[in-house]
Amino acid sequence: MASFRDRRLAAQDGLLLYYRDYGDPLSRRLPLVCLTGLTRNSADFADLADRHAHERRILCLDYRGRGRSAYDSDWRNYDPRIYVSDIAHLIAANDVHRAVVVGTSLGGVLTMALAVLKPTTLGAAVLNDIGPDVVPGGIARIMGYIGADQPQPDWPSAVRYLRQLLPTLSIRTDEGWLKMAQATYRQGADGVLHFDWDVNLAKPLLAQSSSVPDLWPLFGALRRIPTLVLRGALSDVLSPETFARMALVKPDIERVTVPNSGHVPTLNEPEAAAAIDAFIRRF
């Protein structure tokens, strides 16, 4: 396993953010900036980082309210605009001028937003199972579990719960499911395992209207940026129709379907790993 440096950064409002810092800061290769899904944290990118840390720097952020970053006392700050500001601070604090940004789910939406707000920063982009349209059913499924903790007494119980909750994940081994559980739960002071995110992050989403904002203008900002999009063949968030339309809007986009995977591919599947590794190594 590649070693990483534990880093912390004060956000614009003083909240303390955590990130993993892999690789050589002086490498001439473009660094990777890895952005997770809605409830996830930097541990999700450990295997991807292991594959690339020998040749470039990699920054993996825990958004506020996730992982080892501080929880926000005001749930209204769990907002994509705040997340983008936090990411911009991370990039500036580490003197990163251009990067390959890898965004999973929400991280892909934030990547598109960066293309609008920080276009010169994106040397290339990877969108993992996300596009400018999202399937309402998939969002409803995710919202069904993120806003309430599901404590588990031990790791085997956590694994069993996640296998039930996320049956379309492409994880095939007991070891893989344990790693997933360890990146999803943390042990609390009560000795019980709890979700490793602030369940209050669901409140802004529930407070919003049912209408989903039009993300196509954000996607359009990627028109001059080399982009790879991965879609899980069983995804209930990125539909085949949106996946196809993305290629019509941006003909040079590279698209890969990951078989036997739902939302989201882990990026360790052979098809996903081959595609993303080859894409990243061009920059």
C-alpha atoms as a PDB file:
ATOM      1  CA  MET A   1       0.000   0.000   0.000  1.00  0.00           C
ATOM      2  CA  ALA A   2       1.266   3.473  -0.872  1.00  0.00           C
ATOM      3  CA  SER A   3       1.842   5.654   2.163  1.00  0.00           C
ATOM      4  CA  PHE A   4       0.077   8.985   2.490  1.00  0.00           C
ATOM      5  CA  ARG A   5       0.455  12.067   4.618  1.00  0.00           C
ATOM      6  CA  ASP A   6      -2.432  13.072   6.876  1.00  0.00           C
ATOM      7  CA  ARG A   7      -3.156  16.728   6.162  1.00  0.00           C
ATOM      8  CA  ARG A   8      -5.582  19.290   7.504  1.00  0.00           C
ATOM      9  CA  LEU A   9      -6.732  22.572   6.084  1.00  0.00           C
ATOM     10  CA  ALA A  10      -8.869  25.385   7.478  1.00  0.00           C
ATOM     11  CA  ALA A  11     -11.741  26.143   5.112  1.00  0.00           C
ATOM     12  CA  GLN A  12     -12.860  29.685   4.332  1.00  0.00           C
ATOM     13  CA  ASP A  13     -15.113  29.658   7.422  1.00  0.00           C
ATOM     14  CA  GLY A  14     -12.476  28.082   9.672  1.00  0.00           C
ATOM     15  CA  LEU A  15     -13.883  24.540   9.599  1.00  0.00           C
ATOM     16  CA  LEU A  16     -11.076  21.982   9.681  1.00  0.00           C
ATOM     17  CA  LEU A  17     -10.927  19.712   6.628  1.00  0.00           C
ATOM     18  CA  TYR A  18      -8.922  16.507   6.329  1.00  0.00           C
ATOM     19  CA  TYR A  19      -7.269  15.134   3.209  1.00  0.00           C
ATOM     20  CA  ARG A  20      -4.820  12.415   2.211  1.00  0.00           C
ATOM     21  CA  ASP A  21      -1.702  13.571   0.399  1.00  0.00           C
ATOM     22  CA  TYR A  22       0.040  10.845  -1.623  1.00  0.00           C
ATOM     23  CA  GLY A  23       3.093  10.880  -3.841  1.00  0.00           C
ATOM     24  CA  ASP A  24       5.762  13.445  -4.697  1.00  0.00           C
ATOM     25  CA  PRO A  25       4.643  17.114  -4.572  1.00  0.00           C
ATOM     26  CA  LEU A  26       7.502  17.932  -6.968  1.00  0.00           C
ATOM     27  CA  SER A  27       6.478  15.410  -9.637  1.00  0.00           C
ATOM     28  CA  ARG A  28       6.195  16.892 -13.123  1.00  0.00           C
ATOM     29  CA  ARG A  29       3.105  14.797 -13.851  1.00  0.00           C
ATOM     30  CA  LEU A  30      -0.246  16.448 -13.301  1.00  0.00           C
ATOM     31  CA  PRO A  31      -1.499  15.707  -9.791  1.00  0.00           C
ATOM     32  CA  LEU A  32      -4.779  13.920  -9.178  1.00  0.00           C
ATOM     33  CA  VAL A  33      -7.507  15.551  -7.149  1.00  0.00           C
ATOM     34  CA  CYS A  34     -10.029  12.902  -6.077  1.00  0.00           C
ATOM     35  CA  LEU A  35     -13.581  13.894  -5.140  1.00  0.00           C
ATOM     36  CA  THR A  36     -15.879  11.370  -3.514  1.00  0.00           C
ATOM     37  CA  GLY A  37     -19.553  10.597  -3.592  1.00  0.00           C
ATOM     38  CA  LEU A  38     -22.127  12.216  -1.319  1.00  0.00           C
ATOM     39  CA  THR A  39     -21.416  10.339   1.918  1.00  0.00           C
ATOM     40  CA  ARG A  40     -18.021   8.910   1.121  1.00  0.00           C
ATOM     41  CA  ASN A  41     -14.472   9.790   2.157  1.00  0.00           C
ATOM     42  CA  SER A  42     -10.871   9.626   0.986  1.00  0.00           C
ATOM     43  CA  ALA A  43     -10.511   5.928   1.819  1.00  0.00           C
ATOM     44  CA  ASP A  44     -12.513   5.125  -1.325  1.00  0.00           C
ATOM     45  CA  PHE A  45      -9.575   6.173  -3.500  1.00  0.00           C
ATOM     46  CA  ALA A  46      -6.887   4.158  -1.669  1.00  0.00           C
ATOM     47  CA  ASP A  47      -6.455   1.567  -4.430  1.00  0.00           C
ATOM     48  CA  LEU A  48      -6.456   4.160  -7.223  1.00  0.00           C
ATOM     49  CA  ALA A  49      -3.861   6.164  -5.292  1.00  0.00           C
ATOM     50  CA  ASP A  50      -1.727   3.062  -4.787  1.00  0.00           C
ATOM     51  CA  ARG A  51      -1.591   2.576  -8.537  1.00  0.00           C
ATOM     52  CA  HIS A  52      -0.417   6.129  -9.289  1.00  0.00           C
ATOM     53  CA  ALA A  53       1.394   7.520  -6.237  1.00  0.00           C
ATOM     54  CA  HIS A  54       4.787   6.377  -7.560  1.00  0.00           C
ATOM     55  CA  GLU A  55       4.576   8.860 -10.426  1.00  0.00           C
ATOM     56  CA  ARG A  56       2.517  11.831  -9.259  1.00  0.00           C
ATOM     57  CA  ARG A  57       0.929  13.602  -6.332  1.00  0.00           C
ATOM     58  CA  ILE A  58      -2.617  12.686  -5.285  1.00  0.00           C
ATOM     59  CA  LEU A  59      -4.930  14.711  -3.039  1.00  0.00           C
ATOM     60  CA  CYS A  60      -8.044  12.997  -1.656  1.00  0.00           C
ATOM     61  CA  LEU A  61     -10.395  15.236   0.318  1.00  0.00           C
ATOM     62  CA  ASP A  62     -12.937  14.370   2.988  1.00  0.00           C
ATOM     63  CA  TYR A  63     -15.752  16.871   2.446  1.00  0.00           C
ATOM     64  CA  ARG A  64     -16.961  18.679   5.541  1.00  0.00           C
ATOM     65  CA  GLY A  65     -19.104  16.352   7.621  1.00  0.00           C
ATOM     66  CA  ARG A  66     -17.453  13.203   6.277  1.00  0.00           C
ATOM     67  CA  GLY A  67     -14.608  10.986   7.416  1.00  0.00           C
ATOM     68  CA  ARG A  68     -11.979  12.835   9.400  1.00  0.00           C
ATOM     69  CA  SER A  69     -13.114  16.330   8.451  1.00  0.00           C
ATOM     70  CA  ALA A  70     -15.017  18.321  11.070  1.00  0.00           C
ATOM     71  CA  TYR A  71     -18.795  18.247  11.116  1.00  0.00           C
ATOM     72  CA  ASP A  72     -20.476  21.579  10.413  1.00  0.00           C
ATOM     73  CA  SER A  73     -22.664  22.983  13.196  1.00  0.00           C
ATOM     74  CA  ASP A  74     -24.895  24.570  10.531  1.00  0.00           C
ATOM     75  CA  TRP A  75     -26.359  21.906   8.242  1.00  0.00           C
ATOM     76  CA  ARG A  76     -27.137  24.577   5.632  1.00  0.00           C
ATOM     77  CA  ASN A  77     -23.414  24.621   4.838  1.00  0.00           C
ATOM     78  CA  TYR A  78     -23.677  21.106   3.411  1.00  0.00           C
ATOM     79  CA  ASP A  79     -24.125  22.737   0.039  1.00  0.00           C
ATOM     80  CA  PRO A  80     -22.368  22.106  -3.307  1.00  0.00           C
ATOM     81  CA  ARG A  81     -21.350  25.769  -3.503  1.00  0.00           C
ATOM     82  CA  ILE A  82     -19.546  25.422  -0.178  1.00  0.00           C
ATOM     83  CA  TYR A  83     -17.954  22.147  -1.268  1.00  0.00           C
ATOM     84  CA  VAL A  84     -16.585  23.809  -4.411  1.00  0.00           C
ATOM     85  CA  SER A  85     -15.141  26.610  -2.287  1.00  0.00           C
ATOM     86  CA  ASP A  86     -13.527  24.030   0.018  1.00  0.00           C
ATOM     87  CA  ILE A  87     -12.012  22.241  -2.984  1.00  0.00           C
ATOM     88  CA  ALA A  88     -10.704  25.537  -4.374  1.00  0.00           C
ATOM     89  CA  HIS A  89      -9.028  26.195  -1.020  1.00  0.00           C
ATOM     90  CA  LEU A  90      -7.482  22.710  -1.069  1.00  0.00           C
ATOM     91  CA  ILE A  91      -6.085  23.299  -4.558  1.00  0.00           C
ATOM     92  CA  ALA A  92      -4.732  26.744  -3.719  1.00  0.00           C
ATOM     93  CA  ALA A  93      -3.207  25.699  -0.407  1.00  0.00           C
ATOM     94  CA  ASN A  94      -1.278  22.929  -2.150  1.00  0.00           C
ATOM     95  CA  ASP A  95      -0.093  25.179  -4.987  1.00  0.00           C
ATOM     96  CA  VAL A  96      -1.851  23.042  -7.608  1.00  0.00           C
ATOM     97  CA  HIS A  97      -2.318  24.949 -10.852  1.00  0.00           C
ATOM     98  CA  ARG A  98      -3.581  22.122 -13.082  1.00  0.00           C
ATOM     99  CA  ALA A  99      -4.778  18.657 -12.198  1.00  0.00           C
ATOM    100  CA  VAL A 100      -6.620  15.581 -13.364  1.00  0.00           C
ATOM    101  CA  VAL A 101      -9.832  15.651 -11.319  1.00  0.00           C
ATOM    102  CA  VAL A 102     -11.546  12.336 -10.610  1.00  0.00           C
ATOM    103  CA  GLY A 103     -15.130  12.767  -9.432  1.00  0.00           C
ATOM    104  CA  THR A 104     -17.388   9.967  -8.248  1.00  0.00           C
ATOM    105  CA  SER A 105     -21.137  10.697  -8.200  1.00  0.00           C
ATOM    106  CA  LEU A 106     -21.445  14.049  -6.335  1.00  0.00           C
ATOM    107  CA  GLY A 107     -17.724  14.470  -6.955  1.00  0.00           C
ATOM    108  CA  GLY A 108     -18.447  14.385 -10.683  1.00  0.00           C
ATOM    109  CA  VAL A 109     -21.002  17.179 -10.335  1.00  0.00           C
ATOM    110  CA  LEU A 110     -18.412  19.195  -8.406  1.00  0.00           C
ATOM    111  CA  THR A 111     -15.882  18.463 -11.156  1.00  0.00           C
ATOM    112  CA  MET A 112     -18.267  19.944 -13.716  1.00  0.00           C
ATOM    113  CA  ALA A 113     -18.756  22.965 -11.448  1.00  0.00           C
ATOM    114  CA  LEU A 114     -14.982  23.419 -11.263  1.00  0.00           C
ATOM    115  CA  ALA A 115     -14.908  23.429 -15.060  1.00  0.00           C
ATOM    116  CA  VAL A 116     -17.141  26.514 -14.896  1.00  0.00           C
ATOM    117  CA  LEU A 117     -15.503  28.295 -11.966  1.00  0.00           C
ATOM    118  CA  LYS A 118     -11.867  27.150 -12.293  1.00  0.00           C
ATOM    119  CA  PRO A 119     -11.537  26.108 -15.944  1.00  0.00           C
ATOM    120  CA  THR A 120      -7.766  26.484 -16.141  1.00  0.00           C
ATOM    121  CA  THR A 121      -7.349  24.096 -13.206  1.00  0.00           C
ATOM    122  CA  LEU A 122      -8.768  21.091 -15.039  1.00  0.00           C
ATOM    123  CA  GLY A 123      -6.175  19.395 -17.201  1.00  0.00           C
ATOM    124  CA  ALA A 124      -8.512  16.416 -17.567  1.00  0.00           C
ATOM    125  CA  ALA A 125     -11.630  15.026 -15.888  1.00  0.00           C
ATOM    126  CA  VAL A 126     -12.990  11.618 -14.937  1.00  0.00           C
ATOM    127  CA  LEU A 127     -16.704  11.341 -14.140  1.00  0.00           C
ATOM    128  CA  ASN A 128     -17.585   8.131 -12.328  1.00  0.00           C
ATOM    129  CA  ASP A 129     -21.221   7.118 -12.847  1.00  0.00           C
ATOM    130  CA  ILE A 130     -22.642  10.610 -13.006  1.00  0.00           C
ATOM    131  CA  GLY A 131     -23.884  12.893 -15.746  1.00  0.00           C
ATOM    132  CA  PRO A 132     -25.911  16.056 -16.345  1.00  0.00           C
ATOM    133  CA  ASP A 133     -29.174  14.165 -15.722  1.00  0.00           C
ATOM    134  CA  VAL A 134     -29.727  11.924 -12.724  1.00  0.00           C
ATOM    135  CA  VAL A 135     -32.359   9.212 -12.470  1.00  0.00           C
ATOM    136  CA  PRO A 136     -34.853  10.219  -9.748  1.00  0.00           C
ATOM    137  CA  GLY A 137     -35.240   6.647  -8.532  1.00  0.00           C
ATOM    138  CA  GLY A 138     -31.546   6.326  -7.815  1.00  0.00           C
ATOM    139  CA  ILE A 139     -31.472   9.580  -5.895  1.00  0.00           C
ATOM    140  CA  ALA A 140     -34.527   8.495  -3.889  1.00  0.00           C
ATOM    141  CA  ARG A 141     -32.812   5.219  -3.020  1.00  0.00           C
ATOM    142  CA  ILE A 142     -29.724   7.053  -1.728  1.00  0.00           C
ATOM    143  CA  MET A 143     -31.809   9.570   0.214  1.00  0.00           C
ATOM    144  CA  GLY A 144     -33.575   6.653   1.849  1.00  0.00           C
ATOM    145  CA  TYR A 145     -30.575   5.736   3.983  1.00  0.00           C
ATOM    146  CA  ILE A 146     -28.167   8.656   4.326  1.00  0.00           C
ATOM    147  CA  GLY A 147     -30.182  10.731   6.791  1.00  0.00           C
ATOM    148  CA  ALA A 148     -30.444   8.215   9.635  1.00  0.00           C
ATOM    149  CA  ASP A 149     -27.622   6.345  11.336  1.00  0.00           C
ATOM    150  CA  GLN A 150     -27.683   2.545  11.210  1.00  0.00           C
ATOM    151  CA  PRO A 151     -25.443   1.486  14.125  1.00  0.00           C
ATOM    152  CA  GLN A 152     -23.823  -1.941  13.938  1.00  0.00           C
ATOM    153  CA  PRO A 153     -22.325  -3.912  16.832  1.00  0.00           C
ATOM    154  CA  ASP A 154     -19.305  -5.237  14.928  1.00  0.00           C
ATOM    155  CA  TRP A 155     -17.647  -5.460  11.506  1.00  0.00           C
ATOM    156  CA  PRO A 156     -19.376  -8.675  10.367  1.00  0.00           C
ATOM    157  CA  SER A 157     -22.721  -7.028  11.078  1.00  0.00           C
ATOM    158  CA  ALA A 158     -21.666  -3.903   9.170  1.00  0.00           C
ATOM    159  CA  VAL A 159     -20.660  -6.043   6.188  1.00  0.00           C
ATOM    160  CA  ARG A 160     -23.981  -7.899   6.212  1.00  0.00           C
ATOM    161  CA  TYR A 161     -25.900  -4.622   6.326  1.00  0.00           C
ATOM    162  CA  LEU A 162     -23.962  -3.119   3.414  1.00  0.00           C
ATOM    163  CA  ARG A 163     -24.335  -6.255   1.293  1.00  0.00           C
ATOM    164  CA  GLN A 164     -28.107  -5.915   1.742  1.00  0.00           C
ATOM    165  CA  LEU A 165     -28.150  -2.156   1.232  1.00  0.00           C
ATOM    166  CA  LEU A 166     -25.909  -2.069  -1.854  1.00  0.00           C
ATOM    167  CA  PRO A 167     -26.500  -5.346  -3.721  1.00  0.00           C
ATOM    168  CA  THR A 168     -25.363  -4.012  -7.122  1.00  0.00           C
ATOM    169  CA  LEU A 169     -21.868  -3.015  -6.036  1.00  0.00           C
ATOM    170  CA  SER A 170     -19.260  -4.971  -7.980  1.00  0.00           C
ATOM    171  CA  ILE A 171     -17.414  -6.127  -4.841  1.00  0.00           C
ATOM    172  CA  ARG A 172     -16.957  -9.883  -5.057  1.00  0.00           C
ATOM    173  CA  THR A 173     -14.746 -10.845  -2.095  1.00  0.00           C
ATOM    174  CA  ASP A 174     -15.146 -10.865   1.680  1.00  0.00           C
ATOM    175  CA  GLU A 175     -11.997  -8.776   1.947  1.00  0.00           C
ATOM    176  CA  GLY A 176     -13.453  -6.204  -0.440  1.00  0.00           C
ATOM    177  CA  TRP A 177     -16.673  -5.931   1.553  1.00  0.00           C
ATOM    178  CA  LEU A 178     -14.715  -5.506   4.788  1.00  0.00           C
ATOM    179  CA  LYS A 179     -12.750  -2.650   3.213  1.00  0.00           C
ATOM    180  CA  MET A 180     -16.034  -1.117   2.099  1.00  0.00           C
ATOM    181  CA  ALA A 181     -17.423  -1.386   5.635  1.00  0.00           C
ATOM    182  CA  GLN A 182     -14.292   0.165   7.111  1.00  0.00           C
ATOM    183  CA  ALA A 183     -14.649   3.093   4.701  1.00  0.00           C
ATOM    184  CA  THR A 184     -18.326   3.494   5.627  1.00  0.00           C
ATOM    185  CA  TYR A 185     -18.364   3.063   9.399  1.00  0.00           C
ATOM    186  CA  ARG A 186     -16.277   4.290  12.311  1.00  0.00           C
ATOM    187  CA  GLN A 187     -16.295   3.185  15.922  1.00  0.00           C
ATOM    188  CA  GLY A 188     -17.952   5.661  18.266  1.00  0.00           C
ATOM    189  CA  ALA A 189     -17.204   6.401  21.901  1.00  0.00           C
ATOM    190  CA  ASP A 190     -19.982   3.944  22.766  1.00  0.00           C
ATOM    191  CA  GLY A 191     -18.020   1.109  21.150  1.00  0.00           C
ATOM    192  CA  VAL A 192     -20.622   0.740  18.399  1.00  0.00           C
ATOM    193  CA  LEU A 193     -20.030   1.331  14.671  1.00  0.00           C
ATOM    194  CA  HIS A 194     -21.713   4.409  13.191  1.00  0.00           C
ATOM    195  CA  PHE A 195     -21.923   5.863   9.697  1.00  0.00           C
ATOM    196  CA  ASP A 196     -18.773   7.883   8.996  1.00  0.00           C
ATOM    197  CA  TRP A 197     -20.708  10.977   7.970  1.00  0.00           C
ATOM    198  CA  ASP A 198     -22.931  13.585   9.568  1.00  0.00           C
ATOM    199  CA  VAL A 199     -26.490  12.415   8.904  1.00  0.00           C
ATOM    200  CA  ASN A 200     -27.497  16.109   8.918  1.00  0.00           C
ATOM    201  CA  LEU A 201     -25.981  16.432   5.433  1.00  0.00           C
ATOM    202  CA  ALA A 202     -29.265  15.014   4.134  1.00  0.00           C
ATOM    203  CA  LYS A 203     -31.242  18.002   5.464  1.00  0.00           C
ATOM    204  CA  PRO A 204     -30.407  20.487   2.674  1.00  0.00           C
ATOM    205  CA  LEU A 205     -31.304  17.894   0.067  1.00  0.00           C
ATOM    206  CA  LEU A 206     -34.626  17.144   1.740  1.00  0.00           C
ATOM    207  CA  ALA A 207     -35.319  20.870   2.072  1.00  0.00           C
ATOM    208  CA  GLN A 208     -34.888  21.449  -1.650  1.00  0.00           C
ATOM    209  CA  SER A 209     -37.735  21.187  -4.088  1.00  0.00           C
ATOM    210  CA  SER A 210     -38.170  17.931  -5.949  1.00  0.00           C
ATOM    211  CA  SER A 211     -36.891  19.507  -9.160  1.00  0.00           C
ATOM    212  CA  VAL A 212     -33.304  18.694 -10.087  1.00  0.00           C
ATOM    213  CA  PRO A 213     -31.220  21.620 -11.416  1.00  0.00           C
ATOM    214  CA  ASP A 214     -30.212  21.571 -15.067  1.00  0.00           C
ATOM    215  CA  LEU A 215     -26.605  20.370 -15.077  1.00  0.00           C
ATOM    216  CA  TRP A 216     -26.121  20.412 -18.857  1.00  0.00           C
ATOM    217  CA  PRO A 217     -24.563  23.901 -18.812  1.00  0.00           C
ATOM    218  CA  LEU A 218     -22.003  22.613 -16.286  1.00  0.00           C
ATOM    219  CA  PHE A 219     -21.268  19.626 -18.493  1.00  0.00           C
ATOM    220  CA  GLY A 220     -20.844  22.007 -21.431  1.00  0.00           C
ATOM    221  CA  ALA A 221     -17.924  23.622 -19.611  1.00  0.00           C
ATOM    222  CA  LEU A 222     -15.972  20.382 -20.191  1.00  0.00           C
ATOM    223  CA  ARG A 223     -16.103  20.846 -23.978  1.00  0.00           C
ATOM    224  CA  ARG A 224     -12.369  21.580 -24.279  1.00  0.00           C
ATOM    225  CA  ILE A 225     -11.266  19.352 -21.411  1.00  0.00           C
ATOM    226  CA  PRO A 226     -10.308  15.702 -22.050  1.00  0.00           C
ATOM    227  CA  THR A 227     -12.956  13.683 -20.255  1.00  0.00           C
ATOM    228  CA  LEU A 228     -13.541  10.029 -19.425  1.00  0.00           C
ATOM    229  CA  VAL A 229     -16.957   8.883 -18.203  1.00  0.00           C
ATOM    230  CA  LEU A 230     -17.523   5.542 -16.517  1.00  0.00           C
ATOM    231  CA  ARG A 231     -20.984   4.053 -16.135  1.00  0.00           C
ATOM    232  CA  GLY A 232     -21.957   1.014 -14.138  1.00  0.00           C
ATOM    233  CA  ALA A 233     -24.043  -1.215 -16.404  1.00  0.00           C
ATOM    234  CA  LEU A 234     -26.577  -1.613 -13.577  1.00  0.00           C
ATOM    235  CA  SER A 235     -26.532   2.038 -12.512  1.00  0.00           C
ATOM    236  CA  ASP A 236     -29.774   3.590 -11.301  1.00  0.00           C
ATOM    237  CA  VAL A 237     -28.258   7.109 -11.312  1.00  0.00           C
ATOM    238  CA  LEU A 238     -26.681   7.516 -14.772  1.00  0.00           C
ATOM    239  CA  SER A 239     -29.092   6.238 -17.402  1.00  0.00           C
ATOM    240  CA  PRO A 240     -28.052   4.752 -20.780  1.00  0.00           C
ATOM    241  CA  GLU A 241     -29.908   7.606 -22.487  1.00  0.00           C
ATOM    242  CA  THR A 242     -27.946  10.315 -20.651  1.00  0.00           C
ATOM    243  CA  PHE A 243     -24.732   8.374 -21.200  1.00  0.00           C
ATOM    244  CA  ALA A 244     -25.424   8.379 -24.954  1.00  0.00           C
ATOM    245  CA  ARG A 245     -26.455  12.035 -25.053  1.00  0.00           C
ATOM    246  CA  MET A 246     -23.200  13.039 -23.344  1.00  0.00           C
ATOM    247  CA  ALA A 247     -21.316  11.673 -26.349  1.00  0.00           C
ATOM    248  CA  LEU A 248     -23.535  13.647 -28.744  1.00  0.00           C
ATOM    249  CA  VAL A 249     -22.907  16.882 -26.852  1.00  0.00           C
ATOM    250  CA  LYS A 250     -19.175  16.191 -26.486  1.00  0.00           C
ATOM    251  CA  PRO A 251     -18.086  13.905 -29.358  1.00  0.00           C
ATOM    252  CA  ASP A 252     -14.518  13.486 -28.086  1.00  0.00           C
ATOM    253  CA  ILE A 253     -15.623  12.124 -24.725  1.00  0.00           C
ATOM    254  CA  GLU A 254     -14.322   8.677 -23.787  1.00  0.00           C
ATOM    255  CA  ARG A 255     -16.968   6.346 -22.396  1.00  0.00           C
ATOM    256  CA  VAL A 256     -16.617   2.993 -20.656  1.00  0.00           C
ATOM    257  CA  THR A 257     -19.390   0.764 -19.338  1.00  0.00           C
ATOM    258  CA  VAL A 258     -18.401  -1.308 -16.319  1.00  0.00           C
ATOM    259  CA  PRO A 259     -20.210  -4.659 -16.453  1.00  0.00           C
ATOM    260  CA  ASN A 260     -21.984  -6.134 -13.430  1.00  0.00           C
ATOM    261  CA  SER A 261     -21.691  -2.866 -11.516  1.00  0.00           C
ATOM    262  CA  GLY A 262     -24.341  -0.558 -10.157  1.00  0.00           C
ATOM    263  CA  HIS A 263     -23.887   2.881  -8.637  1.00  0.00           C
ATOM    264  CA  VAL A 264     -20.986   3.323  -8.288  1.00  0.00           C
ATOM    265  CA  PRO A 265     -18.064   1.426  -9.814  1.00  0.00           C
ATOM    266  CA  THR A 266     -15.241   1.085  -7.282  1.00  0.00           C
ATOM    267  CA  LEU A 267     -12.637   1.855 -10.002  1.00  0.00           C
ATOM    268  CA  ASN A 268     -10.988  -1.486  -9.185  1.00  0.00           C
ATOM    269  CA  GLU A 269     -13.018  -3.518 -11.688  1.00  0.00           C
ATOM    270  CA  PRO A 270     -10.715  -4.684 -14.525  1.00  0.00           C
ATOM    271  CA  GLU A 271     -12.553  -2.623 -17.146  1.00  0.00           C
ATOM    272  CA  ALA A 272     -12.678   0.488 -14.951  1.00  0.00           C
ATOM    273  CA  ALA A 273      -9.080   0.204 -13.736  1.00  0.00           C
ATOM    274  CA  ALA A 274      -7.710  -0.323 -17.260  1.00  0.00           C
ATOM    275  CA  ALA A 275      -9.627   2.652 -18.654  1.00  0.00           C
ATOM    276  CA  ILE A 276      -8.930   5.114 -15.849  1.00  0.00           C
ATOM    277  CA  ASP A 277      -5.258   4.155 -15.485  1.00  0.00           C
ATOM    278  CA  ALA A 278      -4.593   4.526 -19.218  1.00  0.00           C
ATOM    279  CA  PHE A 279      -6.451   7.852 -19.289  1.00  0.00           C
ATOM    280  CA  ILE A 280      -4.630   9.318 -16.297  1.00  0.00           C
ATOM    281  CA  ARG A 281      -1.198   8.287 -17.563  1.00  0.00           C
ATOM    282  CA  ARG A 282      -1.625  10.523 -20.618  1.00  0.00           C
ATOM    283  CA  PHE A 283      -1.327  13.612 -18.437  1.00  0.00           C
END
